[in-house]
Amino acid sequence: MRGIGMWDSSSISTLFSGFSSNRSNAASSFIANMDMTTYSGIRSGSYFKLLKSYYGNNLNSKAESLVSTSVSTSKDSAKTLASIESESEDMVKSAQALYKNSGKDDTDATYKKVSAFVSDYNSLIKAADDSETKQISRNLESMKSLTDINSKSLAKVGITVDSKSGELSVNEDTFKKADSTKVDALFKGNGSYAYAVASKASMLEYAAKNEAEKTNTYDANGRYTQAYNSGYNYNMFL
Protein backbone atom coordinates (compact mmCIF):
# COMPACT_ATOMS: atom_id res chain seq x y z
CA MET A 1 0.00 0.00 0.00
CA ARG A 2 1.20 3.48 -0.86
CA GLY A 3 2.25 5.70 2.01
CA ILE A 4 0.57 9.09 2.30
CA GLY A 5 3.79 10.73 1.27
CA MET A 6 3.60 9.00 -2.13
CA TRP A 7 0.33 10.71 -3.07
CA ASP A 8 0.63 13.96 -5.02
CA SER A 9 -1.97 16.75 -5.08
CA SER A 10 -3.47 15.50 -8.33
CA SER A 11 -4.12 11.96 -7.08
CA ILE A 12 -5.59 13.20 -3.79
CA SER A 13 -7.90 15.56 -5.68
CA THR A 14 -9.05 12.66 -7.86
CA LEU A 15 -9.69 10.49 -4.80
CA PHE A 16 -12.05 13.00 -3.18
CA SER A 17 -13.56 14.65 -6.26
CA GLY A 18 -16.66 12.43 -6.32
CA PHE A 19 -17.75 12.97 -2.73
CA SER A 20 -19.84 16.15 -3.08
CA SER A 21 -21.36 15.17 -6.42
CA ASN A 22 -22.35 11.73 -5.09
CA ARG A 23 -24.02 13.33 -2.07
CA SER A 24 -25.90 15.80 -4.30
CA ASN A 25 -26.96 13.03 -6.71
CA ALA A 26 -28.17 10.89 -3.81
CA ALA A 27 -30.27 13.74 -2.42
CA SER A 28 -31.72 14.52 -5.84
CA SER A 29 -32.55 10.86 -6.40
CA PHE A 30 -34.26 10.63 -3.00
CA ILE A 31 -36.44 13.67 -3.68
CA ALA A 32 -37.25 12.61 -7.23
CA ASN A 33 -38.39 9.15 -6.10
CA MET A 34 -40.46 10.40 -3.17
CA ASP A 35 -44.19 9.86 -3.72
CA MET A 36 -46.74 12.49 -2.69
CA THR A 37 -48.08 10.32 0.15
CA THR A 38 -44.63 10.21 1.77
CA TYR A 39 -44.13 13.92 1.17
CA SER A 40 -47.50 14.75 2.73
CA GLY A 41 -46.66 12.56 5.73
CA ILE A 42 -43.47 14.50 6.33
CA ARG A 43 -45.21 17.87 5.95
CA SER A 44 -48.11 16.95 8.23
CA GLY A 45 -45.87 15.53 10.95
CA SER A 46 -47.17 11.95 10.64
CA TYR A 47 -43.65 10.50 10.62
CA PHE A 48 -42.80 12.31 13.82
CA LYS A 49 -45.88 10.88 15.52
CA LEU A 50 -45.11 7.38 14.21
CA LEU A 51 -41.57 7.49 15.59
CA LYS A 52 -42.80 8.85 18.89
CA SER A 53 -45.33 6.01 19.14
CA TYR A 54 -42.70 3.40 18.23
CA TYR A 55 -40.15 4.55 20.77
CA GLY A 56 -42.74 5.25 23.45
CA ASN A 57 -44.33 8.37 24.80
CA ASN A 58 -42.04 8.60 27.81
CA LEU A 59 -39.20 10.51 26.20
CA ASN A 60 -36.46 11.48 28.59
CA SER A 61 -36.18 15.09 29.66
CA LYS A 62 -33.18 15.77 27.43
CA ALA A 63 -35.01 14.58 24.33
CA GLU A 64 -38.08 16.63 25.24
CA SER A 65 -35.85 19.66 25.63
CA LEU A 66 -34.30 19.14 22.22
CA VAL A 67 -37.71 18.86 20.58
CA SER A 68 -39.13 21.93 22.26
CA THR A 69 -36.13 24.21 21.75
CA SER A 70 -34.97 23.23 18.28
CA VAL A 71 -38.23 23.56 16.36
CA SER A 72 -38.29 27.37 16.27
CA THR A 73 -35.96 30.24 17.08
CA SER A 74 -38.74 32.84 17.19
CA LYS A 75 -39.37 34.48 20.55
CA ASP A 76 -42.99 35.22 19.62
CA SER A 77 -45.86 33.02 18.54
CA ALA A 78 -47.12 33.13 14.96
CA LYS A 79 -50.39 34.57 16.32
CA THR A 80 -48.62 37.49 18.00
CA LEU A 81 -46.56 38.27 14.93
CA ALA A 82 -49.59 38.04 12.64
CA SER A 83 -51.43 40.50 14.88
CA ILE A 84 -48.53 42.97 14.77
CA GLU A 85 -48.37 42.74 10.98
CA SER A 86 -52.10 43.29 10.63
CA GLU A 87 -52.23 46.22 13.05
CA SER A 88 -49.17 47.80 11.40
CA GLU A 89 -50.85 47.66 8.00
CA ASP A 90 -53.98 49.31 9.41
CA MET A 91 -51.86 52.00 11.06
CA VAL A 92 -50.12 52.83 7.79
CA LYS A 93 -53.44 53.07 5.94
CA SER A 94 -55.09 55.40 8.46
CA ALA A 95 -51.97 57.59 8.56
CA GLN A 96 -51.87 57.76 4.75
CA ALA A 97 -55.53 58.84 4.69
CA LEU A 98 -54.38 61.91 6.59
CA TYR A 99 -50.94 62.88 5.32
CA LYS A 100 -51.65 62.11 1.66
CA ASN A 101 -54.83 64.17 1.66
CA SER A 102 -54.05 67.43 -0.11
CA GLY A 103 -57.68 68.57 -0.13
CA LYS A 104 -59.60 70.53 2.45
CA ASP A 105 -61.90 68.36 4.58
CA ASP A 106 -64.54 69.73 6.87
CA THR A 107 -64.05 69.40 10.62
CA ASP A 108 -66.25 66.31 10.97
CA ALA A 109 -64.44 64.43 8.18
CA THR A 110 -61.03 65.29 9.62
CA TYR A 111 -62.09 64.23 13.11
CA LYS A 112 -63.30 60.88 11.75
CA LYS A 113 -59.93 60.21 10.10
CA VAL A 114 -57.98 61.27 13.19
CA SER A 115 -60.18 59.06 15.38
CA ALA A 116 -59.35 56.09 13.12
CA PHE A 117 -55.66 57.02 13.35
CA VAL A 118 -55.84 57.10 17.17
CA SER A 119 -57.69 53.78 17.31
CA ASP A 120 -55.19 52.02 15.00
CA TYR A 121 -52.27 53.53 16.90
CA ASN A 122 -53.57 52.11 20.19
CA SER A 123 -54.28 48.69 18.64
CA LEU A 124 -50.74 48.50 17.29
CA ILE A 125 -49.26 49.37 20.68
CA LYS A 126 -51.32 46.67 22.39
CA ALA A 127 -50.26 44.06 19.80
CA ALA A 128 -46.57 44.98 19.87
CA ASP A 129 -46.46 45.18 23.68
CA ASP A 130 -46.92 41.39 23.74
CA SER A 131 -43.75 40.85 21.71
CA GLU A 132 -40.50 39.56 23.19
CA THR A 133 -38.52 40.25 20.02
CA LYS A 134 -35.90 42.96 20.50
CA GLN A 135 -36.26 44.41 17.02
CA ILE A 136 -40.01 44.80 17.49
CA SER A 137 -39.60 46.28 20.98
CA ARG A 138 -37.03 48.80 19.76
CA ASN A 139 -39.29 49.96 16.93
CA LEU A 140 -42.24 50.21 19.29
CA GLU A 141 -40.29 52.36 21.73
CA SER A 142 -39.13 54.51 18.83
CA MET A 143 -42.75 55.13 17.80
CA LYS A 144 -43.72 55.97 21.38
CA SER A 145 -40.77 58.37 21.66
CA LEU A 146 -41.88 60.09 18.47
CA THR A 147 -45.31 60.62 20.00
CA ASP A 148 -43.81 61.94 23.25
CA ILE A 149 -41.82 64.50 21.27
CA ASN A 150 -45.04 65.69 19.65
CA SER A 151 -47.18 65.41 22.80
CA LYS A 152 -47.44 69.18 23.39
CA SER A 153 -48.54 69.84 19.81
CA LEU A 154 -51.01 66.97 20.01
CA ALA A 155 -52.46 68.28 23.26
CA LYS A 156 -53.22 71.63 21.58
CA VAL A 157 -55.62 69.85 19.21
CA GLY A 158 -57.23 67.68 21.89
CA ILE A 159 -55.07 64.54 21.64
CA THR A 160 -53.43 63.34 24.86
CA VAL A 161 -50.89 60.59 25.56
CA ASP A 162 -51.30 58.15 28.44
CA SER A 163 -48.13 58.33 30.54
CA LYS A 164 -48.16 54.61 31.36
CA SER A 165 -49.41 52.81 28.26
CA GLY A 166 -48.41 55.38 25.65
CA GLU A 167 -51.87 55.14 24.09
CA LEU A 168 -53.65 58.12 22.57
CA SER A 169 -57.07 59.60 23.28
CA VAL A 170 -58.84 62.39 21.43
CA ASN A 171 -61.38 64.82 22.85
CA GLU A 172 -63.92 65.56 20.15
CA ASP A 173 -64.97 69.01 21.35
CA THR A 174 -61.39 70.23 21.81
CA PHE A 175 -60.31 68.81 18.47
CA LYS A 176 -63.16 70.41 16.51
CA LYS A 177 -62.46 73.80 18.12
CA ALA A 178 -58.70 73.58 17.48
CA ASP A 179 -56.86 75.75 14.97
CA SER A 180 -57.00 73.92 11.63
CA THR A 181 -53.46 74.99 10.73
CA LYS A 182 -52.16 73.17 13.83
CA VAL A 183 -54.13 70.05 12.85
CA ASP A 184 -52.73 70.20 9.31
CA ALA A 185 -49.18 70.62 10.64
CA LEU A 186 -49.54 67.37 12.59
CA PHE A 187 -51.36 65.27 10.05
CA LYS A 188 -50.77 66.56 6.52
CA GLY A 189 -47.72 66.17 4.28
CA ASN A 190 -44.55 64.08 4.26
CA GLY A 191 -42.99 66.03 7.12
CA SER A 192 -45.94 65.53 9.44
CA TYR A 193 -46.35 63.49 12.60
CA ALA A 194 -48.76 61.17 10.76
CA TYR A 195 -46.13 60.45 8.09
CA ALA A 196 -43.49 59.67 10.73
CA VAL A 197 -45.87 57.29 12.55
CA ALA A 198 -46.58 55.50 9.26
CA SER A 199 -42.83 55.02 8.79
CA LYS A 200 -42.46 53.57 12.29
CA ALA A 201 -45.44 51.26 11.69
CA SER A 202 -43.84 50.01 8.46
CA MET A 203 -40.69 49.18 10.40
CA LEU A 204 -42.74 47.25 12.95
CA GLU A 205 -44.42 45.31 10.16
CA TYR A 206 -41.05 44.44 8.62
CA ALA A 207 -39.66 43.32 11.98
CA ALA A 208 -42.70 41.08 12.56
CA LYS A 209 -42.39 39.51 9.11
CA ASN A 210 -38.68 38.95 9.64
CA GLU A 211 -39.33 37.21 12.95
CA ALA A 212 -42.20 35.18 11.46
CA GLU A 213 -39.74 33.48 9.09
CA LYS A 214 -38.28 31.70 12.11
CA THR A 215 -41.61 29.96 12.84
CA ASN A 216 -41.56 27.91 9.59
CA THR A 217 -40.97 24.55 11.19
CA TYR A 218 -42.49 21.61 13.08
CA ASP A 219 -43.89 22.15 16.54
CA ALA A 220 -43.40 19.78 19.49
CA ASN A 221 -46.50 17.79 18.44
CA GLY A 222 -45.18 17.11 14.97
CA ARG A 223 -47.38 19.67 13.20
CA TYR A 224 -46.04 21.93 10.47
CA THR A 225 -46.57 25.45 11.72
CA GLN A 226 -47.87 28.28 9.58
CA ALA A 227 -45.58 31.26 9.08
CA TYR A 228 -47.31 34.52 8.55
CA ASN A 229 -44.69 35.57 6.05
CA SER A 230 -45.54 38.30 3.53
CA GLY A 231 -49.15 37.15 3.43
CA TYR A 232 -48.22 33.69 2.13
CA ASN A 233 -50.11 30.78 3.66
CA TYR A 234 -47.76 27.80 3.90
CA ASN A 235 -50.58 25.53 5.13
CA MET A 236 -52.56 25.90 1.92
CA PHE A 237 -50.86 22.79 0.53
CA LEU A 238 -51.50 20.61 3.61
C-alpha atoms as a PDB file:
ATOM      1  CA  MET A   1       0.000   0.000   0.000  1.00  0.00           C
ATOM      2  CA  ARG A   2       1.203   3.483  -0.855  1.00  0.00           C
ATOM      3  CA  GLY A   3       2.254   5.700   2.005  1.00  0.00           C
ATOM      4  CA  ILE A   4       0.565   9.091   2.302  1.00  0.00           C
ATOM      5  CA  GLY A   5       3.793  10.730   1.267  1.00  0.00           C
ATOM      6  CA  MET A   6       3.598   8.997  -2.131  1.00  0.00           C
ATOM      7  CA  TRP A   7       0.327  10.711  -3.071  1.00  0.00           C
ATOM      8  CA  ASP A   8       0.629  13.957  -5.023  1.00  0.00           C
ATOM      9  CA  SER A   9      -1.965  16.755  -5.078  1.00  0.00           C
ATOM     10  CA  SER A  10      -3.468  15.503  -8.327  1.00  0.00           C
ATOM     11  CA  SER A  11      -4.121  11.959  -7.084  1.00  0.00           C
ATOM     12  CA  ILE A  12      -5.590  13.202  -3.789  1.00  0.00           C
ATOM     13  CA  SER A  13      -7.896  15.560  -5.681  1.00  0.00           C
ATOM     14  CA  THR A  14      -9.054  12.661  -7.863  1.00  0.00           C
ATOM     15  CA  LEU A  15      -9.687  10.490  -4.795  1.00  0.00           C
ATOM     16  CA  PHE A  16     -12.049  13.000  -3.180  1.00  0.00           C
ATOM     17  CA  SER A  17     -13.562  14.649  -6.265  1.00  0.00           C
ATOM     18  CA  GLY A  18     -16.656  12.433  -6.323  1.00  0.00           C
ATOM     19  CA  PHE A  19     -17.753  12.969  -2.731  1.00  0.00           C
ATOM     20  CA  SER A  20     -19.844  16.154  -3.082  1.00  0.00           C
ATOM     21  CA  SER A  21     -21.356  15.174  -6.423  1.00  0.00           C
ATOM     22  CA  ASN A  22     -22.348  11.734  -5.093  1.00  0.00           C
ATOM     23  CA  ARG A  23     -24.022  13.327  -2.066  1.00  0.00           C
ATOM     24  CA  SER A  24     -25.897  15.797  -4.304  1.00  0.00           C
ATOM     25  CA  ASN A  25     -26.955  13.029  -6.709  1.00  0.00           C
ATOM     26  CA  ALA A  26     -28.172  10.893  -3.812  1.00  0.00           C
ATOM     27  CA  ALA A  27     -30.269  13.739  -2.417  1.00  0.00           C
ATOM     28  CA  SER A  28     -31.723  14.521  -5.838  1.00  0.00           C
ATOM     29  CA  SER A  29     -32.553  10.861  -6.397  1.00  0.00           C
ATOM     30  CA  PHE A  30     -34.258  10.628  -2.997  1.00  0.00           C
ATOM     31  CA  ILE A  31     -36.438  13.673  -3.679  1.00  0.00           C
ATOM     32  CA  ALA A  32     -37.253  12.611  -7.233  1.00  0.00           C
ATOM     33  CA  ASN A  33     -38.391   9.148  -6.104  1.00  0.00           C
ATOM     34  CA  MET A  34     -40.461  10.400  -3.168  1.00  0.00           C
ATOM     35  CA  ASP A  35     -44.187   9.856  -3.724  1.00  0.00           C
ATOM     36  CA  MET A  36     -46.740  12.486  -2.687  1.00  0.00           C
ATOM     37  CA  THR A  37     -48.078  10.322   0.153  1.00  0.00           C
ATOM     38  CA  THR A  38     -44.627  10.212   1.768  1.00  0.00           C
ATOM     39  CA  TYR A  39     -44.129  13.921   1.172  1.00  0.00           C
ATOM     40  CA  SER A  40     -47.501  14.750   2.726  1.00  0.00           C
ATOM     41  CA  GLY A  41     -46.657  12.562   5.727  1.00  0.00           C
ATOM     42  CA  ILE A  42     -43.472  14.504   6.334  1.00  0.00           C
ATOM     43  CA  ARG A  43     -45.215  17.870   5.955  1.00  0.00           C
ATOM     44  CA  SER A  44     -48.115  16.946   8.227  1.00  0.00           C
ATOM     45  CA  GLY A  45     -45.874  15.529  10.951  1.00  0.00           C
ATOM     46  CA  SER A  46     -47.168  11.948  10.641  1.00  0.00           C
ATOM     47  CA  TYR A  47     -43.651  10.502  10.625  1.00  0.00           C
ATOM     48  CA  PHE A  48     -42.804  12.307  13.821  1.00  0.00           C
ATOM     49  CA  LYS A  49     -45.880  10.875  15.522  1.00  0.00           C
ATOM     50  CA  LEU A  50     -45.112   7.378  14.206  1.00  0.00           C
ATOM     51  CA  LEU A  51     -41.571   7.485  15.592  1.00  0.00           C
ATOM     52  CA  LYS A  52     -42.799   8.846  18.887  1.00  0.00           C
ATOM     53  CA  SER A  53     -45.326   6.013  19.138  1.00  0.00           C
ATOM     54  CA  TYR A  54     -42.697   3.405  18.229  1.00  0.00           C
ATOM     55  CA  TYR A  55     -40.147   4.551  20.770  1.00  0.00           C
ATOM     56  CA  GLY A  56     -42.735   5.245  23.454  1.00  0.00           C
ATOM     57  CA  ASN A  57     -44.328   8.371  24.802  1.00  0.00           C
ATOM     58  CA  ASN A  58     -42.042   8.604  27.810  1.00  0.00           C
ATOM     59  CA  LEU A  59     -39.203  10.505  26.198  1.00  0.00           C
ATOM     60  CA  ASN A  60     -36.455  11.480  28.588  1.00  0.00           C
ATOM     61  CA  SER A  61     -36.177  15.094  29.661  1.00  0.00           C
ATOM     62  CA  LYS A  62     -33.179  15.767  27.435  1.00  0.00           C
ATOM     63  CA  ALA A  63     -35.011  14.577  24.330  1.00  0.00           C
ATOM     64  CA  GLU A  64     -38.077  16.632  25.238  1.00  0.00           C
ATOM     65  CA  SER A  65     -35.853  19.663  25.634  1.00  0.00           C
ATOM     66  CA  LEU A  66     -34.300  19.143  22.223  1.00  0.00           C
ATOM     67  CA  VAL A  67     -37.707  18.857  20.576  1.00  0.00           C
ATOM     68  CA  SER A  68     -39.134  21.934  22.258  1.00  0.00           C
ATOM     69  CA  THR A  69     -36.133  24.207  21.750  1.00  0.00           C
ATOM     70  CA  SER A  70     -34.968  23.234  18.277  1.00  0.00           C
ATOM     71  CA  VAL A  71     -38.225  23.564  16.363  1.00  0.00           C
ATOM     72  CA  SER A  72     -38.290  27.373  16.269  1.00  0.00           C
ATOM     73  CA  THR A  73     -35.962  30.238  17.079  1.00  0.00           C
ATOM     74  CA  SER A  74     -38.736  32.839  17.189  1.00  0.00           C
ATOM     75  CA  LYS A  75     -39.372  34.480  20.552  1.00  0.00           C
ATOM     76  CA  ASP A  76     -42.990  35.219  19.616  1.00  0.00           C
ATOM     77  CA  SER A  77     -45.863  33.016  18.540  1.00  0.00           C
ATOM     78  CA  ALA A  78     -47.122  33.135  14.964  1.00  0.00           C
ATOM     79  CA  LYS A  79     -50.388  34.571  16.316  1.00  0.00           C
ATOM     80  CA  THR A  80     -48.619  37.492  18.005  1.00  0.00           C
ATOM     81  CA  LEU A  81     -46.558  38.266  14.928  1.00  0.00           C
ATOM     82  CA  ALA A  82     -49.588  38.037  12.643  1.00  0.00           C
ATOM     83  CA  SER A  83     -51.426  40.499  14.880  1.00  0.00           C
ATOM     84  CA  ILE A  84     -48.525  42.971  14.774  1.00  0.00           C
ATOM     85  CA  GLU A  85     -48.366  42.741  10.979  1.00  0.00           C
ATOM     86  CA  SER A  86     -52.105  43.287  10.628  1.00  0.00           C
ATOM     87  CA  GLU A  87     -52.228  46.217  13.047  1.00  0.00           C
ATOM     88  CA  SER A  88     -49.175  47.796  11.397  1.00  0.00           C
ATOM     89  CA  GLU A  89     -50.849  47.657   7.999  1.00  0.00           C
ATOM     90  CA  ASP A  90     -53.982  49.314   9.412  1.00  0.00           C
ATOM     91  CA  MET A  91     -51.864  52.002  11.059  1.00  0.00           C
ATOM     92  CA  VAL A  92     -50.122  52.833   7.790  1.00  0.00           C
ATOM     93  CA  LYS A  93     -53.441  53.072   5.939  1.00  0.00           C
ATOM     94  CA  SER A  94     -55.090  55.397   8.459  1.00  0.00           C
ATOM     95  CA  ALA A  95     -51.969  57.586   8.555  1.00  0.00           C
ATOM     96  CA  GLN A  96     -51.873  57.764   4.752  1.00  0.00           C
ATOM     97  CA  ALA A  97     -55.527  58.835   4.689  1.00  0.00           C
ATOM     98  CA  LEU A  98     -54.378  61.909   6.595  1.00  0.00           C
ATOM     99  CA  TYR A  99     -50.936  62.881   5.320  1.00  0.00           C
ATOM    100  CA  LYS A 100     -51.646  62.105   1.658  1.00  0.00           C
ATOM    101  CA  ASN A 101     -54.825  64.175   1.662  1.00  0.00           C
ATOM    102  CA  SER A 102     -54.054  67.428  -0.113  1.00  0.00           C
ATOM    103  CA  GLY A 103     -57.684  68.572  -0.133  1.00  0.00           C
ATOM    104  CA  LYS A 104     -59.601  70.525   2.454  1.00  0.00           C
ATOM    105  CA  ASP A 105     -61.901  68.355   4.579  1.00  0.00           C
ATOM    106  CA  ASP A 106     -64.544  69.728   6.870  1.00  0.00           C
ATOM    107  CA  THR A 107     -64.047  69.401  10.617  1.00  0.00           C
ATOM    108  CA  ASP A 108     -66.250  66.311  10.973  1.00  0.00           C
ATOM    109  CA  ALA A 109     -64.443  64.430   8.185  1.00  0.00           C
ATOM    110  CA  THR A 110     -61.029  65.292   9.619  1.00  0.00           C
ATOM    111  CA  TYR A 111     -62.089  64.229  13.111  1.00  0.00           C
ATOM    112  CA  LYS A 112     -63.303  60.884  11.745  1.00  0.00           C
ATOM    113  CA  LYS A 113     -59.934  60.211  10.098  1.00  0.00           C
ATOM    114  CA  VAL A 114     -57.982  61.275  13.192  1.00  0.00           C
ATOM    115  CA  SER A 115     -60.183  59.060  15.383  1.00  0.00           C
ATOM    116  CA  ALA A 116     -59.354  56.090  13.115  1.00  0.00           C
ATOM    117  CA  PHE A 117     -55.659  57.023  13.354  1.00  0.00           C
ATOM    118  CA  VAL A 118     -55.836  57.099  17.168  1.00  0.00           C
ATOM    119  CA  SER A 119     -57.695  53.776  17.308  1.00  0.00           C
ATOM    120  CA  ASP A 120     -55.194  52.025  15.005  1.00  0.00           C
ATOM    121  CA  TYR A 121     -52.270  53.527  16.904  1.00  0.00           C
ATOM    122  CA  ASN A 122     -53.570  52.114  20.187  1.00  0.00           C
ATOM    123  CA  SER A 123     -54.283  48.691  18.644  1.00  0.00           C
ATOM    124  CA  LEU A 124     -50.741  48.503  17.288  1.00  0.00           C
ATOM    125  CA  ILE A 125     -49.262  49.374  20.683  1.00  0.00           C
ATOM    126  CA  LYS A 126     -51.319  46.666  22.385  1.00  0.00           C
ATOM    127  CA  ALA A 127     -50.264  44.063  19.805  1.00  0.00           C
ATOM    128  CA  ALA A 128     -46.570  44.978  19.870  1.00  0.00           C
ATOM    129  CA  ASP A 129     -46.460  45.182  23.681  1.00  0.00           C
ATOM    130  CA  ASP A 130     -46.919  41.390  23.742  1.00  0.00           C
ATOM    131  CA  SER A 131     -43.751  40.848  21.714  1.00  0.00           C
ATOM    132  CA  GLU A 132     -40.502  39.561  23.193  1.00  0.00           C
ATOM    133  CA  THR A 133     -38.521  40.249  20.024  1.00  0.00           C
ATOM    134  CA  LYS A 134     -35.903  42.958  20.500  1.00  0.00           C
ATOM    135  CA  GLN A 135     -36.261  44.410  17.020  1.00  0.00           C
ATOM    136  CA  ILE A 136     -40.012  44.804  17.486  1.00  0.00           C
ATOM    137  CA  SER A 137     -39.604  46.278  20.985  1.00  0.00           C
ATOM    138  CA  ARG A 138     -37.026  48.797  19.755  1.00  0.00           C
ATOM    139  CA  ASN A 139     -39.286  49.965  16.929  1.00  0.00           C
ATOM    140  CA  LEU A 140     -42.243  50.210  19.288  1.00  0.00           C
ATOM    141  CA  GLU A 141     -40.289  52.362  21.731  1.00  0.00           C
ATOM    142  CA  SER A 142     -39.131  54.508  18.831  1.00  0.00           C
ATOM    143  CA  MET A 143     -42.745  55.127  17.800  1.00  0.00           C
ATOM    144  CA  LYS A 144     -43.719  55.969  21.376  1.00  0.00           C
ATOM    145  CA  SER A 145     -40.769  58.373  21.663  1.00  0.00           C
ATOM    146  CA  LEU A 146     -41.882  60.089  18.468  1.00  0.00           C
ATOM    147  CA  THR A 147     -45.313  60.621  20.003  1.00  0.00           C
ATOM    148  CA  ASP A 148     -43.811  61.935  23.251  1.00  0.00           C
ATOM    149  CA  ILE A 149     -41.821  64.496  21.273  1.00  0.00           C
ATOM    150  CA  ASN A 150     -45.039  65.687  19.646  1.00  0.00           C
ATOM    151  CA  SER A 151     -47.178  65.414  22.798  1.00  0.00           C
ATOM    152  CA  LYS A 152     -47.437  69.181  23.392  1.00  0.00           C
ATOM    153  CA  SER A 153     -48.536  69.838  19.810  1.00  0.00           C
ATOM    154  CA  LEU A 154     -51.010  66.966  20.009  1.00  0.00           C
ATOM    155  CA  ALA A 155     -52.462  68.283  23.257  1.00  0.00           C
ATOM    156  CA  LYS A 156     -53.219  71.631  21.578  1.00  0.00           C
ATOM    157  CA  VAL A 157     -55.624  69.855  19.208  1.00  0.00           C
ATOM    158  CA  GLY A 158     -57.231  67.676  21.888  1.00  0.00           C
ATOM    159  CA  ILE A 159     -55.070  64.539  21.643  1.00  0.00           C
ATOM    160  CA  THR A 160     -53.434  63.338  24.859  1.00  0.00           C
ATOM    161  CA  VAL A 161     -50.887  60.586  25.560  1.00  0.00           C
ATOM    162  CA  ASP A 162     -51.304  58.145  28.442  1.00  0.00           C
ATOM    163  CA  SER A 163     -48.131  58.331  30.541  1.00  0.00           C
ATOM    164  CA  LYS A 164     -48.156  54.612  31.363  1.00  0.00           C
ATOM    165  CA  SER A 165     -49.412  52.808  28.257  1.00  0.00           C
ATOM    166  CA  GLY A 166     -48.410  55.381  25.651  1.00  0.00           C
ATOM    167  CA  GLU A 167     -51.868  55.141  24.089  1.00  0.00           C
ATOM    168  CA  LEU A 168     -53.652  58.122  22.575  1.00  0.00           C
ATOM    169  CA  SER A 169     -57.066  59.599  23.278  1.00  0.00           C
ATOM    170  CA  VAL A 170     -58.845  62.394  21.431  1.00  0.00           C
ATOM    171  CA  ASN A 171     -61.378  64.821  22.849  1.00  0.00           C
ATOM    172  CA  GLU A 172     -63.920  65.561  20.145  1.00  0.00           C
ATOM    173  CA  ASP A 173     -64.965  69.009  21.349  1.00  0.00           C
ATOM    174  CA  THR A 174     -61.388  70.235  21.811  1.00  0.00           C
ATOM    175  CA  PHE A 175     -60.312  68.808  18.466  1.00  0.00           C
ATOM    176  CA  LYS A 176     -63.156  70.408  16.509  1.00  0.00           C
ATOM    177  CA  LYS A 177     -62.460  73.797  18.115  1.00  0.00           C
ATOM    178  CA  ALA A 178     -58.704  73.583  17.484  1.00  0.00           C
ATOM    179  CA  ASP A 179     -56.856  75.755  14.967  1.00  0.00           C
ATOM    180  CA  SER A 180     -57.001  73.918  11.625  1.00  0.00           C
ATOM    181  CA  THR A 181     -53.458  74.990  10.732  1.00  0.00           C
ATOM    182  CA  LYS A 182     -52.159  73.167  13.830  1.00  0.00           C
ATOM    183  CA  VAL A 183     -54.131  70.055  12.853  1.00  0.00           C
ATOM    184  CA  ASP A 184     -52.725  70.202   9.315  1.00  0.00           C
ATOM    185  CA  ALA A 185     -49.183  70.615  10.636  1.00  0.00           C
ATOM    186  CA  LEU A 186     -49.538  67.370  12.592  1.00  0.00           C
ATOM    187  CA  PHE A 187     -51.359  65.266  10.048  1.00  0.00           C
ATOM    188  CA  LYS A 188     -50.770  66.565   6.519  1.00  0.00           C
ATOM    189  CA  GLY A 189     -47.724  66.165   4.279  1.00  0.00           C
ATOM    190  CA  ASN A 190     -44.553  64.082   4.256  1.00  0.00           C
ATOM    191  CA  GLY A 191     -42.993  66.028   7.123  1.00  0.00           C
ATOM    192  CA  SER A 192     -45.944  65.530   9.442  1.00  0.00           C
ATOM    193  CA  TYR A 193     -46.346  63.493  12.602  1.00  0.00           C
ATOM    194  CA  ALA A 194     -48.760  61.169  10.756  1.00  0.00           C
ATOM    195  CA  TYR A 195     -46.126  60.453   8.092  1.00  0.00           C
ATOM    196  CA  ALA A 196     -43.493  59.667  10.730  1.00  0.00           C
ATOM    197  CA  VAL A 197     -45.870  57.291  12.546  1.00  0.00           C
ATOM    198  CA  ALA A 198     -46.580  55.496   9.262  1.00  0.00           C
ATOM    199  CA  SER A 199     -42.828  55.018   8.790  1.00  0.00           C
ATOM    200  CA  LYS A 200     -42.464  53.565  12.292  1.00  0.00           C
ATOM    201  CA  ALA A 201     -45.436  51.256  11.690  1.00  0.00           C
ATOM    202  CA  SER A 202     -43.842  50.009   8.462  1.00  0.00           C
ATOM    203  CA  MET A 203     -40.686  49.178  10.397  1.00  0.00           C
ATOM    204  CA  LEU A 204     -42.742  47.249  12.949  1.00  0.00           C
ATOM    205  CA  GLU A 205     -44.418  45.310  10.159  1.00  0.00           C
ATOM    206  CA  TYR A 206     -41.045  44.442   8.616  1.00  0.00           C
ATOM    207  CA  ALA A 207     -39.663  43.323  11.982  1.00  0.00           C
ATOM    208  CA  ALA A 208     -42.702  41.079  12.564  1.00  0.00           C
ATOM    209  CA  LYS A 209     -42.393  39.510   9.108  1.00  0.00           C
ATOM    210  CA  ASN A 210     -38.680  38.952   9.636  1.00  0.00           C
ATOM    211  CA  GLU A 211     -39.333  37.206  12.951  1.00  0.00           C
ATOM    212  CA  ALA A 212     -42.202  35.178  11.458  1.00  0.00           C
ATOM    213  CA  GLU A 213     -39.744  33.479   9.089  1.00  0.00           C
ATOM    214  CA  LYS A 214     -38.283  31.696  12.113  1.00  0.00           C
ATOM    215  CA  THR A 215     -41.606  29.961  12.837  1.00  0.00           C
ATOM    216  CA  ASN A 216     -41.565  27.912   9.585  1.00  0.00           C
ATOM    217  CA  THR A 217     -40.965  24.546  11.189  1.00  0.00           C
ATOM    218  CA  TYR A 218     -42.485  21.611  13.081  1.00  0.00           C
ATOM    219  CA  ASP A 219     -43.888  22.147  16.539  1.00  0.00           C
ATOM    220  CA  ALA A 220     -43.402  19.782  19.493  1.00  0.00           C
ATOM    221  CA  ASN A 221     -46.500  17.791  18.443  1.00  0.00           C
ATOM    222  CA  GLY A 222     -45.183  17.113  14.966  1.00  0.00           C
ATOM    223  CA  ARG A 223     -47.383  19.667  13.204  1.00  0.00           C
ATOM    224  CA  TYR A 224     -46.039  21.928  10.474  1.00  0.00           C
ATOM    225  CA  THR A 225     -46.572  25.454  11.721  1.00  0.00           C
ATOM    226  CA  GLN A 226     -47.868  28.278   9.583  1.00  0.00           C
ATOM    227  CA  ALA A 227     -45.582  31.259   9.076  1.00  0.00           C
ATOM    228  CA  TYR A 228     -47.311  34.521   8.551  1.00  0.00           C
ATOM    229  CA  ASN A 229     -44.693  35.568   6.046  1.00  0.00           C
ATOM    230  CA  SER A 230     -45.543  38.304   3.535  1.00  0.00           C
ATOM    231  CA  GLY A 231     -49.148  37.149   3.426  1.00  0.00           C
ATOM    232  CA  TYR A 232     -48.217  33.686   2.133  1.00  0.00           C
ATOM    233  CA  ASN A 233     -50.112  30.780   3.657  1.00  0.00           C
ATOM    234  CA  TYR A 234     -47.761  27.802   3.900  1.00  0.00           C
ATOM    235  CA  ASN A 235     -50.584  25.528   5.129  1.00  0.00           C
ATOM    236  CA  MET A 236     -52.559  25.897   1.919  1.00  0.00           C
ATOM    237  CA  PHE A 237     -50.862  22.787   0.535  1.00  0.00           C
ATOM    238  CA  LEU A 238     -51.505  20.612   3.609  1.00  0.00           C
END
